[in-house]
C-alpha atoms as a PDB file:
ATOM      1  CA  MET A   1      41.558  58.100  -6.950  1.00  0.00           C
ATOM      2  CA  GLY A   2      42.793  61.521  -7.996  1.00  0.00           C
ATOM      3  CA  SER A   3      46.207  63.117  -7.885  1.00  0.00           C
ATOM      4  CA  THR A   4      48.085  65.557  -5.683  1.00  0.00           C
ATOM      5  CA  GLU A   5      47.990  69.203  -6.631  1.00  0.00           C
ATOM      6  CA  ASP A   6      51.776  69.439  -6.992  1.00  0.00           C
ATOM      7  CA  ASP A   7      53.044  67.027  -9.648  1.00  0.00           C
ATOM      8  CA  GLY A   8      55.874  64.891  -8.399  1.00  0.00           C
ATOM      9  CA  VAL A   9      55.228  65.635  -4.714  1.00  0.00           C
ATOM     10  CA  THR A  10      54.615  62.450  -2.769  1.00  0.00           C
ATOM     11  CA  LEU A  11      51.920  62.567  -0.115  1.00  0.00           C
ATOM     12  CA  LYS A  12      52.459  60.163   2.774  1.00  0.00           C
ATOM     13  CA  LEU A  13      50.284  59.370   5.768  1.00  0.00           C
ATOM     14  CA  LEU A  14      51.705  57.653   8.830  1.00  0.00           C
ATOM     15  CA  GLY A  15      48.962  55.825  10.684  1.00  0.00           C
ATOM     16  CA  PHE A  16      47.752  52.951  12.808  1.00  0.00           C
ATOM     17  CA  TRP A  17      45.081  50.665  11.388  1.00  0.00           C
ATOM     18  CA  VAL A  18      42.507  50.962  14.174  1.00  0.00           C
ATOM     19  CA  SER A  19      42.910  54.655  15.004  1.00  0.00           C
ATOM     20  CA  PRO A  20      39.774  56.713  14.273  1.00  0.00           C
ATOM     21  CA  PHE A  21      42.033  59.783  14.172  1.00  0.00           C
ATOM     22  CA  VAL A  22      43.995  58.281  11.282  1.00  0.00           C
ATOM     23  CA  VAL A  23      40.976  56.940   9.430  1.00  0.00           C
ATOM     24  CA  ARG A  24      39.213  60.321   9.494  1.00  0.00           C
ATOM     25  CA  VAL A  25      42.209  61.751   7.623  1.00  0.00           C
ATOM     26  CA  GLU A  26      42.007  58.916   5.080  1.00  0.00           C
ATOM     27  CA  TRP A  27      38.306  59.655   4.616  1.00  0.00           C
ATOM     28  CA  ALA A  28      39.136  63.299   3.940  1.00  0.00           C
ATOM     29  CA  LEU A  29      41.734  62.352   1.323  1.00  0.00           C
ATOM     30  CA  LYS A  30      39.340  59.930  -0.348  1.00  0.00           C
ATOM     31  CA  LEU A  31      36.539  62.501  -0.473  1.00  0.00           C
ATOM     32  CA  LYS A  32      39.000  64.892  -2.099  1.00  0.00           C
ATOM     33  CA  GLY A  33      40.176  62.249  -4.557  1.00  0.00           C
ATOM     34  CA  VAL A  34      43.800  62.684  -3.521  1.00  0.00           C
ATOM     35  CA  ASP A  35      46.377  59.906  -3.892  1.00  0.00           C
ATOM     36  CA  TYR A  36      48.583  59.154  -0.916  1.00  0.00           C
ATOM     37  CA  GLN A  37      50.995  56.543   0.357  1.00  0.00           C
ATOM     38  CA  TYR A  38      49.939  54.928   3.636  1.00  0.00           C
ATOM     39  CA  ILE A  39      52.639  53.859   6.096  1.00  0.00           C
ATOM     40  CA  GLU A  40      51.530  51.639   8.988  1.00  0.00           C
ATOM     41  CA  GLU A  41      53.158  52.397  12.349  1.00  0.00           C
ATOM     42  CA  ASP A  42      53.363  50.298  15.494  1.00  0.00           C
ATOM     43  CA  ILE A  43      52.300  52.804  18.141  1.00  0.00           C
ATOM     44  CA  PHE A  44      53.542  50.483  20.883  1.00  0.00           C
ATOM     45  CA  ASN A  45      57.016  50.363  19.348  1.00  0.00           C
ATOM     46  CA  LYS A  46      57.372  53.740  17.660  1.00  0.00           C
ATOM     47  CA  SER A  47      59.718  53.876  14.716  1.00  0.00           C
ATOM     48  CA  PRO A  48      62.579  56.386  14.453  1.00  0.00           C
ATOM     49  CA  GLN A  49      60.746  57.802  11.435  1.00  0.00           C
ATOM     50  CA  LEU A  50      57.627  58.616  13.460  1.00  0.00           C
ATOM     51  CA  GLN A  51      59.657  60.131  16.297  1.00  0.00           C
ATOM     52  CA  GLU A  52      61.553  62.259  13.804  1.00  0.00           C
ATOM     53  CA  LEU A  53      58.493  63.395  11.845  1.00  0.00           C
ATOM     54  CA  ASN A  54      56.388  64.180  14.944  1.00  0.00           C
ATOM     55  CA  PRO A  55      58.932  64.960  17.654  1.00  0.00           C
ATOM     56  CA  VAL A  56      56.434  66.912  19.784  1.00  0.00           C
ATOM     57  CA  HIS A  57      53.777  64.208  20.355  1.00  0.00           C
ATOM     58  CA  LYS A  58      55.302  61.149  18.651  1.00  0.00           C
ATOM     59  CA  LYS A  59      51.794  60.100  17.622  1.00  0.00           C
ATOM     60  CA  VAL A  60      49.898  59.269  14.456  1.00  0.00           C
ATOM     61  CA  PRO A  61      48.525  60.570  12.194  1.00  0.00           C
ATOM     62  CA  VAL A  62      51.275  62.540  10.499  1.00  0.00           C
ATOM     63  CA  LEU A  63      50.834  63.845   6.965  1.00  0.00           C
ATOM     64  CA  VAL A  64      54.005  64.340   4.938  1.00  0.00           C
ATOM     65  CA  HIS A  65      53.528  66.588   1.905  1.00  0.00           C
ATOM     66  CA  GLY A  66      56.927  67.038   0.328  1.00  0.00           C
ATOM     67  CA  PRO A  67      58.992  68.908   2.948  1.00  0.00           C
ATOM     68  CA  LYS A  68      55.896  69.799   4.987  1.00  0.00           C
ATOM     69  CA  LEU A  69      55.060  67.778   8.109  1.00  0.00           C
ATOM     70  CA  ILE A  70      51.546  68.130   9.544  1.00  0.00           C
ATOM     71  CA  PRO A  71      50.509  66.327  12.784  1.00  0.00           C
ATOM     72  CA  GLU A  72      47.124  66.015  14.545  1.00  0.00           C
ATOM     73  CA  SER A  73      44.032  64.852  12.672  1.00  0.00           C
ATOM     74  CA  PHE A  74      41.995  68.062  12.772  1.00  0.00           C
ATOM     75  CA  VAL A  75      44.972  70.180  11.741  1.00  0.00           C
ATOM     76  CA  ILE A  76      45.641  67.736   8.897  1.00  0.00           C
ATOM     77  CA  MET A  77      42.019  67.838   7.720  1.00  0.00           C
ATOM     78  CA  GLU A  78      42.076  71.634   7.565  1.00  0.00           C
ATOM     79  CA  TYR A  79      45.359  71.513   5.642  1.00  0.00           C
ATOM     80  CA  ILE A  80      43.852  69.025   3.192  1.00  0.00           C
ATOM     81  CA  ASP A  81      40.740  71.176   2.778  1.00  0.00           C
ATOM     82  CA  GLU A  82      42.750  74.327   2.070  1.00  0.00           C
ATOM     83  CA  THR A  83      45.273  72.616  -0.215  1.00  0.00           C
ATOM     84  CA  TRP A  84      42.794  70.712  -2.403  1.00  0.00           C
ATOM     85  CA  LYS A  85      39.768  72.888  -3.039  1.00  0.00           C
ATOM     86  CA  GLN A  86      37.493  70.271  -4.617  1.00  0.00           C
ATOM     87  CA  ASN A  87      34.665  68.875  -2.465  1.00  0.00           C
ATOM     88  CA  PRO A  88      35.034  71.386   0.421  1.00  0.00           C
ATOM     89  CA  LEU A  89      34.848  69.940   3.916  1.00  0.00           C
ATOM     90  CA  LEU A  90      34.439  73.117   5.962  1.00  0.00           C
ATOM     91  CA  PRO A  91      31.610  75.578   5.216  1.00  0.00           C
ATOM     92  CA  GLN A  92      32.584  78.789   3.429  1.00  0.00           C
ATOM     93  CA  ASP A  93      30.462  80.987   5.694  1.00  0.00           C
ATOM     94  CA  PRO A  94      32.608  82.189   8.659  1.00  0.00           C
ATOM     95  CA  TYR A  95      29.897  81.565  11.251  1.00  0.00           C
ATOM     96  CA  GLN A  96      29.089  78.073   9.982  1.00  0.00           C
ATOM     97  CA  LYS A  97      32.791  77.294   9.829  1.00  0.00           C
ATOM     98  CA  ALA A  98      33.198  78.429  13.431  1.00  0.00           C
ATOM     99  CA  MET A  99      30.257  76.270  14.504  1.00  0.00           C
ATOM    100  CA  ALA A 100      31.703  73.220  12.735  1.00  0.00           C
ATOM    101  CA  ARG A 101      34.919  73.715  14.706  1.00  0.00           C
ATOM    102  CA  PHE A 102      32.978  74.269  17.931  1.00  0.00           C
ATOM    103  CA  TRP A 103      30.991  71.022  17.602  1.00  0.00           C
ATOM    104  CA  THR A 104      34.084  69.132  16.517  1.00  0.00           C
ATOM    105  CA  LYS A 105      35.857  70.223  19.703  1.00  0.00           C
ATOM    106  CA  PHE A 106      32.782  69.420  21.801  1.00  0.00           C
ATOM    107  CA  ALA A 107      32.374  65.930  20.358  1.00  0.00           C
ATOM    108  CA  GLU A 108      36.054  65.105  20.796  1.00  0.00           C
ATOM    109  CA  GLU A 109      36.397  66.436  24.338  1.00  0.00           C
ATOM    110  CA  LYS A 110      33.016  65.414  25.715  1.00  0.00           C
ATOM    111  CA  LEU A 111      31.646  62.484  23.735  1.00  0.00           C
ATOM    112  CA  PHE A 112      34.758  60.605  22.663  1.00  0.00           C
ATOM    113  CA  GLU A 113      36.543  61.084  25.975  1.00  0.00           C
ATOM    114  CA  ALA A 114      33.520  59.902  27.984  1.00  0.00           C
ATOM    115  CA  ALA A 115      32.976  56.873  25.721  1.00  0.00           C
ATOM    116  CA  TRP A 116      36.631  55.887  26.049  1.00  0.00           C
ATOM    117  CA  VAL A 117      36.600  56.250  29.845  1.00  0.00           C
ATOM    118  CA  ALA A 118      33.388  54.201  29.992  1.00  0.00           C
ATOM    119  CA  LEU A 119      35.096  51.438  28.028  1.00  0.00           C
ATOM    120  CA  CYS A 120      38.194  51.378  30.235  1.00  0.00           C
ATOM    121  CA  SER A 121      36.656  51.758  33.698  1.00  0.00           C
ATOM    122  CA  GLU A 122      34.413  50.066  36.211  1.00  0.00           C
ATOM    123  CA  GLY A 123      32.098  51.000  39.068  1.00  0.00           C
ATOM    124  CA  GLU A 124      31.269  54.636  39.759  1.00  0.00           C
ATOM    125  CA  GLU A 125      33.723  55.980  37.196  1.00  0.00           C
ATOM    126  CA  HIS A 126      32.141  53.793  34.529  1.00  0.00           C
ATOM    127  CA  GLU A 127      28.615  54.900  35.412  1.00  0.00           C
ATOM    128  CA  LEU A 128      29.603  58.577  35.458  1.00  0.00           C
ATOM    129  CA  ALA A 129      31.317  58.253  32.087  1.00  0.00           C
ATOM    130  CA  LEU A 130      28.201  56.614  30.606  1.00  0.00           C
ATOM    131  CA  LYS A 131      26.084  59.467  31.952  1.00  0.00           C
ATOM    132  CA  LEU A 132      28.424  62.095  30.499  1.00  0.00           C
ATOM    133  CA  ALA A 133      28.545  60.295  27.149  1.00  0.00           C
ATOM    134  CA  ALA A 134      24.737  60.155  26.982  1.00  0.00           C
ATOM    135  CA  GLU A 135      24.500  63.854  27.815  1.00  0.00           C
ATOM    136  CA  ALA A 136      27.025  64.720  25.115  1.00  0.00           C
ATOM    137  CA  MET A 137      25.214  62.498  22.609  1.00  0.00           C
ATOM    138  CA  GLU A 138      21.978  64.316  23.432  1.00  0.00           C
ATOM    139  CA  ARG A 139      23.651  67.637  22.591  1.00  0.00           C
ATOM    140  CA  VAL A 140      24.947  66.291  19.280  1.00  0.00           C
ATOM    141  CA  GLU A 141      21.511  64.822  18.505  1.00  0.00           C
ATOM    142  CA  GLY A 142      19.916  68.206  19.147  1.00  0.00           C
ATOM    143  CA  GLU A 143      22.375  69.957  16.849  1.00  0.00           C
ATOM    144  CA  LEU A 144      21.735  67.498  14.021  1.00  0.00           C
ATOM    145  CA  LYS A 145      17.959  67.761  14.454  1.00  0.00           C
ATOM    146  CA  GLN A 146      18.173  71.545  14.377  1.00  0.00           C
ATOM    147  CA  ARG A 147      20.085  71.405  11.100  1.00  0.00           C
ATOM    148  CA  GLY A 148      17.442  69.078   9.653  1.00  0.00           C
ATOM    149  CA  GLU A 149      19.789  67.707   7.004  1.00  0.00           C
ATOM    150  CA  LYS A 150      21.183  64.334   5.973  1.00  0.00           C
ATOM    151  CA  PHE A 151      24.683  65.132   7.228  1.00  0.00           C
ATOM    152  CA  PHE A 152      26.203  67.733   9.506  1.00  0.00           C
ATOM    153  CA  GLY A 153      27.703  69.089   6.282  1.00  0.00           C
ATOM    154  CA  GLY A 154      24.279  69.314   4.602  1.00  0.00           C
ATOM    155  CA  ASP A 155      23.669  67.100   1.581  1.00  0.00           C
ATOM    156  CA  SER A 156      27.269  65.936   1.567  1.00  0.00           C
ATOM    157  CA  ILE A 157      29.759  64.736   4.168  1.00  0.00           C
ATOM    158  CA  GLY A 158      31.741  67.559   5.730  1.00  0.00           C
ATOM    159  CA  TYR A 159      34.398  68.255   8.325  1.00  0.00           C
ATOM    160  CA  LEU A 160      32.139  67.693  11.325  1.00  0.00           C
ATOM    161  CA  ASP A 161      30.824  64.420   9.886  1.00  0.00           C
ATOM    162  CA  LEU A 162      34.391  63.137   9.581  1.00  0.00           C
ATOM    163  CA  ALA A 163      35.203  64.326  13.093  1.00  0.00           C
ATOM    164  CA  ILE A 164      32.235  62.430  14.540  1.00  0.00           C
ATOM    165  CA  GLY A 165      32.628  59.551  12.101  1.00  0.00           C
ATOM    166  CA  TRP A 166      33.998  57.267  14.824  1.00  0.00           C
ATOM    167  CA  VAL A 167      30.466  57.107  16.270  1.00  0.00           C
ATOM    168  CA  SER A 168      29.383  55.071  13.242  1.00  0.00           C
ATOM    169  CA  HIS A 169      31.932  52.246  13.438  1.00  0.00           C
ATOM    170  CA  TRP A 170      34.083  52.523  16.581  1.00  0.00           C
ATOM    171  CA  LEU A 171      31.380  53.308  19.120  1.00  0.00           C
ATOM    172  CA  PRO A 172      29.423  50.062  18.475  1.00  0.00           C
ATOM    173  CA  VAL A 173      32.678  48.163  19.073  1.00  0.00           C
ATOM    174  CA  PHE A 174      33.290  50.111  22.288  1.00  0.00           C
ATOM    175  CA  GLU A 175      29.758  49.235  23.356  1.00  0.00           C
ATOM    176  CA  GLU A 176      30.197  45.519  22.687  1.00  0.00           C
ATOM    177  CA  ALA A 177      33.661  45.350  24.232  1.00  0.00           C
ATOM    178  CA  GLY A 178      32.440  47.237  27.309  1.00  0.00           C
ATOM    179  CA  SER A 179      28.993  45.562  27.564  1.00  0.00           C
ATOM    180  CA  MET A 180      27.305  48.969  27.526  1.00  0.00           C
ATOM    181  CA  GLN A 181      25.067  51.154  25.378  1.00  0.00           C
ATOM    182  CA  ILE A 182      25.560  54.812  24.547  1.00  0.00           C
ATOM    183  CA  LEU A 183      23.889  55.216  21.157  1.00  0.00           C
ATOM    184  CA  ASP A 184      20.314  54.122  21.829  1.00  0.00           C
ATOM    185  CA  PRO A 185      18.565  54.478  18.436  1.00  0.00           C
ATOM    186  CA  LEU A 186      15.234  55.138  20.160  1.00  0.00           C
ATOM    187  CA  LYS A 187      16.701  58.022  22.182  1.00  0.00           C
ATOM    188  CA  PHE A 188      18.891  59.339  19.376  1.00  0.00           C
ATOM    189  CA  PRO A 189      17.030  58.677  16.096  1.00  0.00           C
ATOM    190  CA  ALA A 190      18.739  61.506  14.191  1.00  0.00           C
ATOM    191  CA  ILE A 191      22.217  60.179  14.978  1.00  0.00           C
ATOM    192  CA  ALA A 192      21.091  56.620  14.182  1.00  0.00           C
ATOM    193  CA  ALA A 193      19.858  57.756  10.750  1.00  0.00           C
ATOM    194  CA  TRP A 194      23.029  59.795  10.199  1.00  0.00           C
ATOM    195  CA  LYS A 195      25.120  56.735  11.059  1.00  0.00           C
ATOM    196  CA  ASN A 196      23.430  54.676   8.326  1.00  0.00           C
ATOM    197  CA  ASN A 197      23.815  57.470   5.770  1.00  0.00           C
ATOM    198  CA  PHE A 198      27.454  57.986   6.702  1.00  0.00           C
ATOM    199  CA  LEU A 199      28.377  54.310   6.484  1.00  0.00           C
ATOM    200  CA  GLY A 200      26.564  54.067   3.162  1.00  0.00           C
ATOM    201  CA  HIS A 201      28.893  56.523   1.451  1.00  0.00           C
ATOM    202  CA  PRO A 202      31.484  54.711  -0.723  1.00  0.00           C
ATOM    203  CA  ALA A 203      34.439  56.762   0.566  1.00  0.00           C
ATOM    204  CA  ILE A 204      33.519  55.796   4.121  1.00  0.00           C
ATOM    205  CA  ARG A 205      32.333  52.241   3.543  1.00  0.00           C
ATOM    206  CA  ASP A 206      35.480  51.271   1.664  1.00  0.00           C
ATOM    207  CA  LYS A 207      37.798  52.509   4.420  1.00  0.00           C
ATOM    208  CA  LEU A 208      36.695  50.823   7.646  1.00  0.00           C
ATOM    209  CA  PRO A 209      38.871  48.578   9.827  1.00  0.00           C
ATOM    210  CA  PRO A 210      37.604  44.959  10.143  1.00  0.00           C
ATOM    211  CA  ARG A 211      35.080  44.840  12.966  1.00  0.00           C
ATOM    212  CA  ASP A 212      36.149  41.473  14.401  1.00  0.00           C
ATOM    213  CA  LYS A 213      39.760  42.560  14.525  1.00  0.00           C
ATOM    214  CA  MET A 214      38.731  45.840  16.156  1.00  0.00           C
ATOM    215  CA  LEU A 215      36.713  43.994  18.786  1.00  0.00           C
ATOM    216  CA  ASP A 216      39.699  41.853  19.728  1.00  0.00           C
ATOM    217  CA  TYR A 217      41.905  44.939  19.915  1.00  0.00           C
ATOM    218  CA  PHE A 218      39.581  47.014  22.116  1.00  0.00           C
ATOM    219  CA  ARG A 219      38.814  44.094  24.401  1.00  0.00           C
ATOM    220  CA  TRP A 220      42.559  43.792  24.897  1.00  0.00           C
ATOM    221  CA  ARG A 221      42.918  47.547  25.544  1.00  0.00           C
ATOM    222  CA  LYS A 222      40.091  47.389  28.076  1.00  0.00           C
ATOM    223  CA  GLU A 223      41.775  44.445  29.814  1.00  0.00           C
ATOM    224  CA  VAL A 224      45.056  46.348  29.983  1.00  0.00           C
ATOM    225  CA  LEU A 225      43.760  49.800  30.889  1.00  0.00           C
ATOM    226  CA  THR A 226      40.877  49.123  33.281  1.00  0.00           C
ATOM    227  CA  PRO A 227      43.070  47.851  36.146  1.00  0.00           C
ATOM    228  CA  LEU A 228      45.287  50.919  35.720  1.00  0.00           C
ATOM    229  CA  ARG A 229      42.314  53.238  36.169  1.00  0.00           C
ATOM    230  CA  ILE A 230      41.066  51.553  39.358  1.00  0.00           C
ATOM    231  CA  SER A 231      44.431  50.865  41.020  1.00  0.00           C
END
């Protein structure tokens, strides 16, 4: 890997192994070639360190860069991009940068949220969530087709690719754990092709949680959370 910009400054990342929000930050660091120390947290038994470093949300990820504490994955990715200039993640053009942020927000609020609700629900709520997820996926598919490029970032992986990266590895696990389908490759061929390209990149491929372990985890989360949603 590379090195941090400030010699002698330790870069630490507090995370949780299966969190797509944490892994997207690790992808960003790997694409930048930046060394970091990873600290695994138990999000169900939060350490005093995590509560001290992120007192507002008490969640991972948290990036610790010397005395600087940065929470929230998208905020962290922008900090990484502005601190280490090599291999830019966000476009330089103001409009394109704004659009990358727009689609990132859309995918997180519409696609991820709907997919998660679909996993952890039953009956009418489940069906509605599937419908909303498919509609959001259709919008993302249209945006990728309009760009006509290998990645949302063009020829190379960018900020929006990392933001939607969970679709490549987490969504298939959600689908299996929830006995459902959201990413139909026949309906969404551009996203299906993007998924293969994304997973084929060494920085991505080498930093993926074990699928079998993920499946066990999300089946357990579904078992725990579904009754809470329908009670």
